[in-house]
Amino acid sequence: MQAILKTYCRIASPTKVLIVDDSSTVRRVVQKVIQKSIFNCEIAEAATGKDAINICRKERFEVAFLDYNMPGFGGLETMKTLLLIQPDLRVVMISAEDNVALGNQARNNGACTFLHKPFYPPDVDRVLHIAFGLRSPQLAIKAGQPDFDVSIEGRTIRLTCTNSQDISSSICGLEPRLFFATALFALPLPVRSLRKTS
């Protein structure tokens, strides 16, 4: 349960993201893709590596989506400097080149992962889960007693008791045998209920 709450808090909390790409079109596309992620991202942009470095000297970011191939100050050089300025920054290196060697080189120099362009909201969700050390964005619930319904509405998880027992103690960890969550949830989802089966 604690892993679910940790993931929910991370997803719901604002995540400051910097997009660095020399193409304004690519920056706009990447921004739209990130905005469709389940994470609550506040996005800034930089057109060059030097612009990104200047921005990071003034403002803290949690994640940077950084283009590998940029004229002038390239992706690797930019990443190394950004990590000196903000050691906790999680860098997702992005490139139109689908090249395993580039991905390995990026990771070996400090990137948490490598994404091949184009990528989509589920790819962003996956890499942000990796970057923040969160479990896989899946939901599977197993429950003993009490009997309850789980519904996911946007970014809200609702647990509704279907009998007279109060489940708040199990959620708080006082009676862990009553409630077991084996994975994490994917958001946003249409409202749906999952009911324990006997």
Protein backbone atom coordinates (compact mmCIF):
# COMPACT_ATOMS: atom_id res chain seq x y z
CA MET A 1 0.00 0.00 0.00
CA GLN A 2 2.85 2.39 0.80
CA ALA A 3 4.22 1.92 -2.72
CA ILE A 4 0.83 2.89 -4.17
CA LEU A 5 0.63 5.99 -1.98
CA LYS A 6 4.21 6.95 -2.85
CA THR A 7 3.42 6.61 -6.55
CA TYR A 8 0.15 8.52 -6.24
CA CYS A 9 1.86 11.38 -4.37
CA ARG A 10 4.64 11.54 -6.97
CA ILE A 11 2.17 11.52 -9.87
CA ALA A 12 -0.14 14.12 -8.30
CA SER A 13 2.66 16.47 -7.17
CA PRO A 14 3.97 18.99 -9.71
CA THR A 15 6.99 17.67 -11.62
CA LYS A 16 9.23 20.35 -13.10
CA VAL A 17 10.33 19.27 -16.57
CA LEU A 18 12.77 20.92 -18.97
CA ILE A 19 12.61 20.07 -22.69
CA VAL A 20 15.84 20.77 -24.57
CA ASP A 21 15.75 20.48 -28.37
CA ASP A 22 16.99 22.75 -31.15
CA SER A 23 13.74 22.26 -33.13
CA SER A 24 10.78 24.36 -31.94
CA THR A 25 8.45 21.89 -33.69
CA VAL A 26 9.93 18.95 -31.78
CA ARG A 27 9.71 20.90 -28.51
CA ARG A 28 6.01 21.57 -29.12
CA VAL A 29 5.33 17.90 -29.97
CA VAL A 30 7.30 16.64 -26.94
CA GLN A 31 5.47 19.12 -24.70
CA LYS A 32 2.08 17.85 -25.92
CA VAL A 33 3.12 14.24 -25.36
CA ILE A 34 4.39 14.98 -21.83
CA GLN A 35 1.20 16.91 -21.00
CA LYS A 36 -0.79 13.75 -21.81
CA SER A 37 1.25 11.79 -19.28
CA ILE A 38 -0.35 10.75 -16.00
CA PHE A 39 2.29 12.89 -14.24
CA ASN A 40 1.45 16.49 -13.34
CA CYS A 41 4.23 18.19 -15.31
CA GLU A 42 5.17 21.87 -15.30
CA ILE A 43 7.17 22.34 -18.49
CA ALA A 44 9.87 24.81 -19.54
CA GLU A 45 11.81 24.77 -22.81
CA ALA A 46 15.32 25.51 -24.03
CA ALA A 47 16.42 25.69 -27.68
CA THR A 48 20.13 25.02 -27.06
CA GLY A 49 22.36 23.30 -24.55
CA LYS A 50 23.70 26.68 -23.38
CA ASP A 51 20.16 27.98 -22.86
CA ALA A 52 19.36 24.87 -20.80
CA ILE A 53 22.46 25.42 -18.65
CA ASN A 54 21.53 29.07 -18.05
CA ILE A 55 17.94 28.12 -17.13
CA CYS A 56 19.16 25.40 -14.74
CA ARG A 57 21.43 27.89 -12.97
CA LYS A 58 18.32 29.93 -12.08
CA GLU A 59 15.65 27.28 -11.62
CA ARG A 60 15.48 23.70 -10.27
CA PHE A 61 14.10 20.88 -12.40
CA GLU A 62 13.38 17.26 -11.61
CA VAL A 63 13.50 15.88 -15.16
CA ALA A 64 15.08 17.01 -18.43
CA PHE A 65 14.14 15.56 -21.82
CA LEU A 66 17.34 16.31 -23.69
CA ASP A 67 17.98 15.90 -27.42
CA TYR A 68 21.15 13.94 -28.14
CA ASN A 69 21.95 15.64 -31.47
CA MET A 70 22.08 19.42 -31.18
CA PRO A 71 24.37 21.83 -33.01
CA GLY A 72 27.04 23.51 -30.92
CA PHE A 73 26.83 22.28 -27.36
CA GLY A 74 25.59 18.70 -27.94
CA GLY A 75 23.39 16.52 -25.77
CA LEU A 76 26.16 14.68 -23.91
CA GLU A 77 28.10 17.87 -23.11
CA THR A 78 24.90 19.57 -22.00
CA MET A 79 23.92 16.63 -19.79
CA LYS A 80 27.30 16.52 -18.06
CA THR A 81 27.11 20.24 -17.27
CA LEU A 82 23.47 20.06 -16.14
CA LEU A 83 24.33 17.21 -13.76
CA LEU A 84 27.14 19.30 -12.27
CA ILE A 85 24.69 22.15 -11.64
CA GLN A 86 21.82 19.91 -10.48
CA PRO A 87 23.12 16.47 -9.44
CA ASP A 88 19.59 15.18 -8.69
CA LEU A 89 18.31 16.00 -12.17
CA ARG A 90 16.93 12.98 -14.01
CA VAL A 91 17.94 13.19 -17.65
CA VAL A 92 15.95 11.37 -20.34
CA MET A 93 18.07 11.48 -23.49
CA ILE A 94 15.97 11.61 -26.67
CA SER A 95 16.98 11.09 -30.29
CA ALA A 96 15.50 10.38 -33.70
CA GLU A 97 18.30 7.83 -34.15
CA ASP A 98 17.29 4.39 -32.94
CA ASN A 99 20.79 3.38 -31.95
CA VAL A 100 21.61 1.06 -29.05
CA ALA A 101 25.15 2.45 -28.80
CA LEU A 102 23.80 6.00 -28.36
CA GLY A 103 21.46 4.82 -25.62
CA ASN A 104 24.29 3.03 -23.83
CA GLN A 105 26.57 6.04 -24.17
CA ALA A 106 23.87 8.34 -22.75
CA ARG A 107 23.21 6.02 -19.77
CA ASN A 108 26.92 5.58 -19.11
CA ASN A 109 27.27 9.37 -18.90
CA GLY A 110 24.41 9.90 -16.47
CA ALA A 111 21.08 9.64 -18.32
CA CYS A 112 18.46 7.60 -16.49
CA THR A 113 17.12 6.31 -19.81
CA PHE A 114 16.99 6.86 -23.57
CA LEU A 115 13.88 7.45 -25.70
CA HIS A 116 13.70 7.11 -29.47
CA LYS A 117 11.60 9.82 -31.18
CA PRO A 118 8.74 9.71 -31.79
CA PHE A 119 7.48 8.57 -28.39
CA TYR A 120 4.06 8.61 -26.77
CA PRO A 121 2.45 9.30 -23.35
CA PRO A 122 2.78 5.66 -22.16
CA ASP A 123 6.53 5.88 -22.95
CA VAL A 124 6.77 9.06 -20.86
CA ASP A 125 4.86 7.38 -18.02
CA ARG A 126 7.21 4.39 -18.16
CA VAL A 127 10.43 6.43 -18.12
CA LEU A 128 9.18 8.72 -15.34
CA HIS A 129 8.31 5.68 -13.23
CA ILE A 130 11.88 4.48 -13.83
CA ALA A 131 13.38 7.92 -13.15
CA PHE A 132 11.59 8.27 -9.81
CA GLY A 133 12.13 4.66 -8.75
CA LEU A 134 8.43 3.85 -8.81
CA ARG A 135 6.88 0.49 -9.48
CA SER A 136 5.23 -0.40 -12.77
CA PRO A 137 2.04 1.56 -13.57
CA GLN A 138 -0.37 -1.36 -13.32
CA LEU A 139 -3.18 -2.02 -10.88
CA ALA A 140 -3.94 -5.42 -9.44
CA ILE A 141 -5.66 -5.83 -6.13
CA LYS A 142 -6.04 -8.85 -3.91
CA ALA A 143 -8.13 -8.51 -0.80
CA GLY A 144 -9.12 -10.65 2.14
CA GLN A 145 -11.57 -9.08 4.58
CA PRO A 146 -13.22 -6.60 4.55
CA ASP A 147 -15.18 -6.67 1.32
CA PHE A 148 -14.71 -3.38 -0.58
CA ASP A 149 -14.89 -1.72 -3.96
CA VAL A 150 -12.03 0.21 -5.53
CA SER A 151 -12.70 2.90 -8.08
CA ILE A 152 -10.22 5.12 -9.86
CA GLU A 153 -11.58 8.48 -10.96
CA GLY A 154 -8.96 10.60 -12.72
CA ARG A 155 -6.25 11.00 -10.08
CA THR A 156 -8.43 9.89 -7.15
CA ILE A 157 -8.54 6.39 -5.67
CA ARG A 158 -11.75 5.60 -3.77
CA LEU A 159 -12.07 2.61 -1.44
CA THR A 160 -15.67 1.89 -0.44
CA CYS A 161 -16.50 -0.65 2.24
CA THR A 162 -19.36 -2.93 1.24
CA ASN A 163 -19.81 -4.28 4.76
CA SER A 164 -19.79 -2.73 8.22
CA GLN A 165 -16.04 -3.05 8.84
CA ASP A 166 -13.89 0.06 8.67
CA ILE A 167 -10.91 -0.41 6.34
CA SER A 168 -9.06 2.72 7.44
CA SER A 169 -6.92 0.76 9.90
CA SER A 170 -5.79 -1.63 7.18
CA ILE A 171 -4.95 1.24 4.85
CA CYS A 172 -2.89 2.87 7.59
CA GLY A 173 -0.95 -0.36 7.94
CA LEU A 174 -2.39 -1.45 11.30
CA GLU A 175 -3.90 -4.62 9.86
CA PRO A 176 -1.93 -5.34 6.69
CA ARG A 177 -3.55 -8.78 6.29
CA LEU A 178 -6.80 -7.04 5.36
CA PHE A 179 -5.53 -5.27 2.28
CA PHE A 180 -2.83 -6.15 -0.20
CA ALA A 181 -1.94 -4.14 -3.27
CA THR A 182 0.36 -6.05 -5.56
CA ALA A 183 1.12 -3.42 -8.19
CA LEU A 184 0.43 0.17 -9.07
CA PHE A 185 -2.19 2.01 -10.96
CA ALA A 186 -2.29 3.67 -14.36
CA LEU A 187 -3.98 7.07 -14.63
CA PRO A 188 -6.06 8.57 -16.06
CA LEU A 189 -8.51 5.75 -16.47
CA PRO A 190 -12.26 5.78 -17.02
CA VAL A 191 -14.17 5.35 -13.79
CA ARG A 192 -14.43 1.68 -13.07
CA SER A 193 -14.92 -0.53 -10.07
CA LEU A 194 -13.00 -3.63 -9.15
CA ARG A 195 -14.75 -5.97 -6.74
CA LYS A 196 -13.20 -8.76 -4.77
CA THR A 197 -14.27 -12.17 -5.98
CA SER A 198 -14.65 -15.12 -3.66
